[in-house]
Amino acid sequence: MVAALPVPIQFSLPEGWQSVPPHEVNADEAAFVALRPPARKGFTPNITISGSLHPSDVELTQLADAAFERLRRGAPDAQLGRRKEAGSATGPGLTQAVRLSLLLDGEPRQVVQLQVFLGIRDTRNASRYAVLQLVLSALAEQFDEVVGDFQKFLSTIRPEEAR
């Protein structure tokens, strides 16, 4: 079963990215997945979106720590890199970089993730506050090619307006 986002959002994908049903790429915990073909060395750069409801005073560092620990359960060598907080009290954000190894086509490969946590209020019901987790994953040698697209994608994310 595919997860649903707890608050409605809208966004645009950069050219060359294509959405796929999360279950087709074994990402059932994600509400949205986009791929940037072609695959190299058994890996296709991807963007995933997931999210959950939280109290509005939740610390994004706490959620980011928990996400990193979940990742380490499947990739014990995962290393946390830079972490940066941004945004405002009403729209907080946190970005962290993670590096890990995956076995792809029988070879260990270095994968880099840029994880972004965004606090967002539901424009249709102001009492609902969610934190979205948006993740770019790419092979280390592909990362510089796709990180600009991810930044463009992030700039398009908006709460869906109430009608």
C-alpha atoms as a PDB file:
ATOM      1  CA  MET A   1       0.000   0.000   0.000  1.00  0.00           C
ATOM      2  CA  VAL A   2       1.319   3.423  -0.980  1.00  0.00           C
ATOM      3  CA  ALA A   3       1.505   6.053   1.727  1.00  0.00           C
ATOM      4  CA  ALA A   4      -0.461   9.272   1.398  1.00  0.00           C
ATOM      5  CA  LEU A   5       0.765  12.738   2.295  1.00  0.00           C
ATOM      6  CA  PRO A   6      -0.892  14.123   5.412  1.00  0.00           C
ATOM      7  CA  VAL A   7      -1.436  17.551   3.816  1.00  0.00           C
ATOM      8  CA  PRO A   8      -2.050  18.368   0.154  1.00  0.00           C
ATOM      9  CA  ILE A   9       0.843  19.980  -1.735  1.00  0.00           C
ATOM     10  CA  GLN A  10       1.609  20.935  -5.303  1.00  0.00           C
ATOM     11  CA  PHE A  11       4.955  20.876  -7.115  1.00  0.00           C
ATOM     12  CA  SER A  12       6.572  20.569 -10.539  1.00  0.00           C
ATOM     13  CA  LEU A  13       9.207  18.080 -11.641  1.00  0.00           C
ATOM     14  CA  PRO A  14      12.222  19.314 -13.601  1.00  0.00           C
ATOM     15  CA  GLU A  15      12.569  18.210 -17.201  1.00  0.00           C
ATOM     16  CA  GLY A  16      13.764  14.619 -17.601  1.00  0.00           C
ATOM     17  CA  TRP A  17      12.248  13.358 -14.339  1.00  0.00           C
ATOM     18  CA  GLN A  18       9.286  10.997 -14.423  1.00  0.00           C
ATOM     19  CA  SER A  19       6.937   9.927 -11.679  1.00  0.00           C
ATOM     20  CA  VAL A  20       6.437   6.232 -11.018  1.00  0.00           C
ATOM     21  CA  PRO A  21       4.092   4.407  -8.656  1.00  0.00           C
ATOM     22  CA  PRO A  22       6.051   3.883  -5.412  1.00  0.00           C
ATOM     23  CA  HIS A  23       5.225   0.150  -5.278  1.00  0.00           C
ATOM     24  CA  GLU A  24       6.956  -0.365  -8.655  1.00  0.00           C
ATOM     25  CA  VAL A  25      10.289   0.634  -7.098  1.00  0.00           C
ATOM     26  CA  ASN A  26       9.788  -0.951  -3.660  1.00  0.00           C
ATOM     27  CA  ALA A  27       9.156   2.420  -1.988  1.00  0.00           C
ATOM     28  CA  ASP A  28       5.820   1.670  -0.378  1.00  0.00           C
ATOM     29  CA  GLU A  29       6.523   4.071   2.497  1.00  0.00           C
ATOM     30  CA  ALA A  30       6.704   6.973   0.009  1.00  0.00           C
ATOM     31  CA  ALA A  31       3.712   8.934  -1.207  1.00  0.00           C
ATOM     32  CA  PHE A  32       5.536   9.997  -4.395  1.00  0.00           C
ATOM     33  CA  VAL A  33       8.586   8.815  -6.353  1.00  0.00           C
ATOM     34  CA  ALA A  34      10.275  10.343  -9.386  1.00  0.00           C
ATOM     35  CA  LEU A  35      13.171   8.836 -11.360  1.00  0.00           C
ATOM     36  CA  ARG A  36      15.810  10.452 -13.593  1.00  0.00           C
ATOM     37  CA  PRO A  37      16.770   7.841 -16.188  1.00  0.00           C
ATOM     38  CA  PRO A  38      18.993   6.360 -17.369  1.00  0.00           C
ATOM     39  CA  ALA A  39      20.227   4.046 -14.656  1.00  0.00           C
ATOM     40  CA  ARG A  40      23.988   3.751 -14.201  1.00  0.00           C
ATOM     41  CA  LYS A  41      25.711   0.896 -12.467  1.00  0.00           C
ATOM     42  CA  GLY A  42      22.339  -0.492 -11.390  1.00  0.00           C
ATOM     43  CA  PHE A  43      20.995   2.754  -9.865  1.00  0.00           C
ATOM     44  CA  THR A  44      18.614   5.452 -11.084  1.00  0.00           C
ATOM     45  CA  PRO A  45      18.674   8.840  -9.347  1.00  0.00           C
ATOM     46  CA  ASN A  46      15.385   9.350  -7.536  1.00  0.00           C
ATOM     47  CA  ILE A  47      13.320  11.747  -5.485  1.00  0.00           C
ATOM     48  CA  THR A  48      10.908  10.494  -2.844  1.00  0.00           C
ATOM     49  CA  ILE A  49       8.316  12.371  -0.824  1.00  0.00           C
ATOM     50  CA  SER A  50       6.805  11.149   2.427  1.00  0.00           C
ATOM     51  CA  GLY A  51       5.345  12.894   5.425  1.00  0.00           C
ATOM     52  CA  SER A  52       3.486  12.601   8.690  1.00  0.00           C
ATOM     53  CA  LEU A  53       1.467  14.719  11.110  1.00  0.00           C
ATOM     54  CA  HIS A  54       3.238  16.183  14.145  1.00  0.00           C
ATOM     55  CA  PRO A  55       2.694  18.775  16.854  1.00  0.00           C
ATOM     56  CA  SER A  56       3.679  22.185  15.469  1.00  0.00           C
ATOM     57  CA  ASP A  57       6.532  22.476  18.002  1.00  0.00           C
ATOM     58  CA  VAL A  58       8.271  19.269  16.878  1.00  0.00           C
ATOM     59  CA  GLU A  59      12.045  19.622  16.500  1.00  0.00           C
ATOM     60  CA  LEU A  60      13.115  18.855  12.929  1.00  0.00           C
ATOM     61  CA  THR A  61      16.509  17.697  14.236  1.00  0.00           C
ATOM     62  CA  GLN A  62      14.721  14.977  16.213  1.00  0.00           C
ATOM     63  CA  LEU A  63      12.876  13.789  13.083  1.00  0.00           C
ATOM     64  CA  ALA A  64      16.073  13.947  11.023  1.00  0.00           C
ATOM     65  CA  ASP A  65      17.946  11.903  13.656  1.00  0.00           C
ATOM     66  CA  ALA A  66      15.182   9.282  13.589  1.00  0.00           C
ATOM     67  CA  ALA A  67      15.242   9.114   9.776  1.00  0.00           C
ATOM     68  CA  PHE A  68      19.013   8.655   9.826  1.00  0.00           C
ATOM     69  CA  GLU A  69      18.764   5.853  12.388  1.00  0.00           C
ATOM     70  CA  ARG A  70      16.107   4.061  10.274  1.00  0.00           C
ATOM     71  CA  LEU A  71      18.448   4.312   7.281  1.00  0.00           C
ATOM     72  CA  ARG A  72      21.342   2.895   9.314  1.00  0.00           C
ATOM     73  CA  ARG A  73      19.319  -0.212  10.122  1.00  0.00           C
ATOM     74  CA  GLY A  74      19.496  -1.158   6.439  1.00  0.00           C
ATOM     75  CA  ALA A  75      22.865   0.452   5.714  1.00  0.00           C
ATOM     76  CA  PRO A  76      25.028   0.247   8.860  1.00  0.00           C
ATOM     77  CA  ASP A  77      27.870   2.176   7.213  1.00  0.00           C
ATOM     78  CA  ALA A  78      25.676   5.263   6.594  1.00  0.00           C
ATOM     79  CA  GLN A  79      27.438   8.480   7.546  1.00  0.00           C
ATOM     80  CA  LEU A  80      25.769  11.753   8.396  1.00  0.00           C
ATOM     81  CA  GLY A  81      27.347  14.751   6.720  1.00  0.00           C
ATOM     82  CA  ARG A  82      26.408  18.406   6.803  1.00  0.00           C
ATOM     83  CA  ARG A  83      23.162  19.468   8.452  1.00  0.00           C
ATOM     84  CA  LYS A  84      21.614  22.907   8.048  1.00  0.00           C
ATOM     85  CA  GLU A  85      18.441  24.458   9.434  1.00  0.00           C
ATOM     86  CA  ALA A  86      16.551  27.041   7.368  1.00  0.00           C
ATOM     87  CA  GLY A  87      13.143  28.599   6.944  1.00  0.00           C
ATOM     88  CA  SER A  88      11.139  30.371   9.625  1.00  0.00           C
ATOM     89  CA  ALA A  89       9.135  29.549  12.747  1.00  0.00           C
ATOM     90  CA  THR A  90       6.012  29.117  10.606  1.00  0.00           C
ATOM     91  CA  GLY A  91       7.781  27.224   7.821  1.00  0.00           C
ATOM     92  CA  PRO A  92      10.862  25.514   9.225  1.00  0.00           C
ATOM     93  CA  GLY A  93      13.232  23.399   7.197  1.00  0.00           C
ATOM     94  CA  LEU A  94      16.250  21.201   7.747  1.00  0.00           C
ATOM     95  CA  THR A  95      18.626  19.668   5.220  1.00  0.00           C
ATOM     96  CA  GLN A  96      21.107  16.882   5.867  1.00  0.00           C
ATOM     97  CA  ALA A  97      23.504  14.977   3.641  1.00  0.00           C
ATOM     98  CA  VAL A  98      24.002  11.233   4.058  1.00  0.00           C
ATOM     99  CA  ARG A  99      26.454   8.853   2.392  1.00  0.00           C
ATOM    100  CA  LEU A 100      26.003   5.076   2.380  1.00  0.00           C
ATOM    101  CA  SER A 101      27.035   1.945   0.497  1.00  0.00           C
ATOM    102  CA  LEU A 102      24.600  -0.271  -1.389  1.00  0.00           C
ATOM    103  CA  LEU A 103      25.269  -3.551  -3.141  1.00  0.00           C
ATOM    104  CA  LEU A 104      24.218  -2.947  -6.768  1.00  0.00           C
ATOM    105  CA  ASP A 105      24.760  -5.510  -9.513  1.00  0.00           C
ATOM    106  CA  GLY A 106      26.991  -7.398  -7.076  1.00  0.00           C
ATOM    107  CA  GLU A 107      29.276  -4.398  -6.462  1.00  0.00           C
ATOM    108  CA  PRO A 108      29.351  -2.005  -3.517  1.00  0.00           C
ATOM    109  CA  ARG A 109      28.402   1.513  -4.676  1.00  0.00           C
ATOM    110  CA  GLN A 110      28.487   4.829  -2.838  1.00  0.00           C
ATOM    111  CA  VAL A 111      25.079   6.515  -2.728  1.00  0.00           C
ATOM    112  CA  VAL A 112      24.547  10.082  -1.556  1.00  0.00           C
ATOM    113  CA  GLN A 113      21.255  11.350  -0.197  1.00  0.00           C
ATOM    114  CA  LEU A 114      20.171  14.911   0.349  1.00  0.00           C
ATOM    115  CA  GLN A 115      17.323  14.761   2.870  1.00  0.00           C
ATOM    116  CA  VAL A 116      15.065  17.776   3.354  1.00  0.00           C
ATOM    117  CA  PHE A 117      12.506  18.096   6.148  1.00  0.00           C
ATOM    118  CA  LEU A 118       9.849  20.790   5.702  1.00  0.00           C
ATOM    119  CA  GLY A 119       7.236  21.840   8.229  1.00  0.00           C
ATOM    120  CA  ILE A 120       3.975  22.690   6.479  1.00  0.00           C
ATOM    121  CA  ARG A 121       0.516  23.674   7.696  1.00  0.00           C
ATOM    122  CA  ASP A 122      -2.580  22.388   5.918  1.00  0.00           C
ATOM    123  CA  THR A 123      -4.235  25.383   4.215  1.00  0.00           C
ATOM    124  CA  ARG A 124      -7.580  23.593   4.423  1.00  0.00           C
ATOM    125  CA  ASN A 125      -7.362  22.843   8.149  1.00  0.00           C
ATOM    126  CA  ALA A 126      -4.954  25.075  10.108  1.00  0.00           C
ATOM    127  CA  SER A 127      -4.883  22.660  13.048  1.00  0.00           C
ATOM    128  CA  ARG A 128      -3.087  20.064  10.889  1.00  0.00           C
ATOM    129  CA  TYR A 129       0.716  20.395  10.819  1.00  0.00           C
ATOM    130  CA  ALA A 130       2.888  17.998   8.895  1.00  0.00           C
ATOM    131  CA  VAL A 131       6.558  17.453   8.258  1.00  0.00           C
ATOM    132  CA  LEU A 132       7.411  16.380   4.738  1.00  0.00           C
ATOM    133  CA  GLN A 133      10.569  14.412   4.031  1.00  0.00           C
ATOM    134  CA  LEU A 134      11.916  14.959   0.529  1.00  0.00           C
ATOM    135  CA  VAL A 135      14.939  12.887  -0.435  1.00  0.00           C
ATOM    136  CA  LEU A 136      17.239  12.947  -3.438  1.00  0.00           C
ATOM    137  CA  SER A 137      19.266   9.734  -3.836  1.00  0.00           C
ATOM    138  CA  ALA A 138      22.014   9.317  -6.424  1.00  0.00           C
ATOM    139  CA  LEU A 139      25.299   7.522  -6.925  1.00  0.00           C
ATOM    140  CA  ALA A 140      28.141   9.684  -5.629  1.00  0.00           C
ATOM    141  CA  GLU A 141      29.376  10.249  -9.196  1.00  0.00           C
ATOM    142  CA  GLN A 142      25.873  11.285 -10.380  1.00  0.00           C
ATOM    143  CA  PHE A 143      25.047  13.588  -7.488  1.00  0.00           C
ATOM    144  CA  ASP A 144      26.433  16.824  -8.965  1.00  0.00           C
ATOM    145  CA  GLU A 145      24.436  16.178 -12.165  1.00  0.00           C
ATOM    146  CA  VAL A 146      21.071  15.992 -10.369  1.00  0.00           C
ATOM    147  CA  VAL A 147      21.332  18.158  -7.239  1.00  0.00           C
ATOM    148  CA  GLY A 148      20.455  21.304  -9.221  1.00  0.00           C
ATOM    149  CA  ASP A 149      17.269  19.624 -10.445  1.00  0.00           C
ATOM    150  CA  PHE A 150      16.407  18.731  -6.863  1.00  0.00           C
ATOM    151  CA  GLN A 151      16.878  22.338  -5.772  1.00  0.00           C
ATOM    152  CA  LYS A 152      14.573  23.493  -8.601  1.00  0.00           C
ATOM    153  CA  PHE A 153      12.030  20.883  -7.540  1.00  0.00           C
ATOM    154  CA  LEU A 154      12.164  22.056  -3.909  1.00  0.00           C
ATOM    155  CA  SER A 155      11.525  25.643  -5.001  1.00  0.00           C
ATOM    156  CA  THR A 156       8.187  24.591  -6.540  1.00  0.00           C
ATOM    157  CA  ILE A 157       6.703  22.899  -3.453  1.00  0.00           C
ATOM    158  CA  ARG A 158       3.664  24.726  -2.113  1.00  0.00           C
ATOM    159  CA  PRO A 159       0.734  23.862   0.120  1.00  0.00           C
ATOM    160  CA  GLU A 160      -2.294  23.239  -2.045  1.00  0.00           C
ATOM    161  CA  GLU A 161      -4.605  26.182  -1.587  1.00  0.00           C
ATOM    162  CA  ALA A 162      -8.038  25.692  -0.049  1.00  0.00           C
ATOM    163  CA  ARG A 163     -10.840  26.063  -2.552  1.00  0.00           C
END
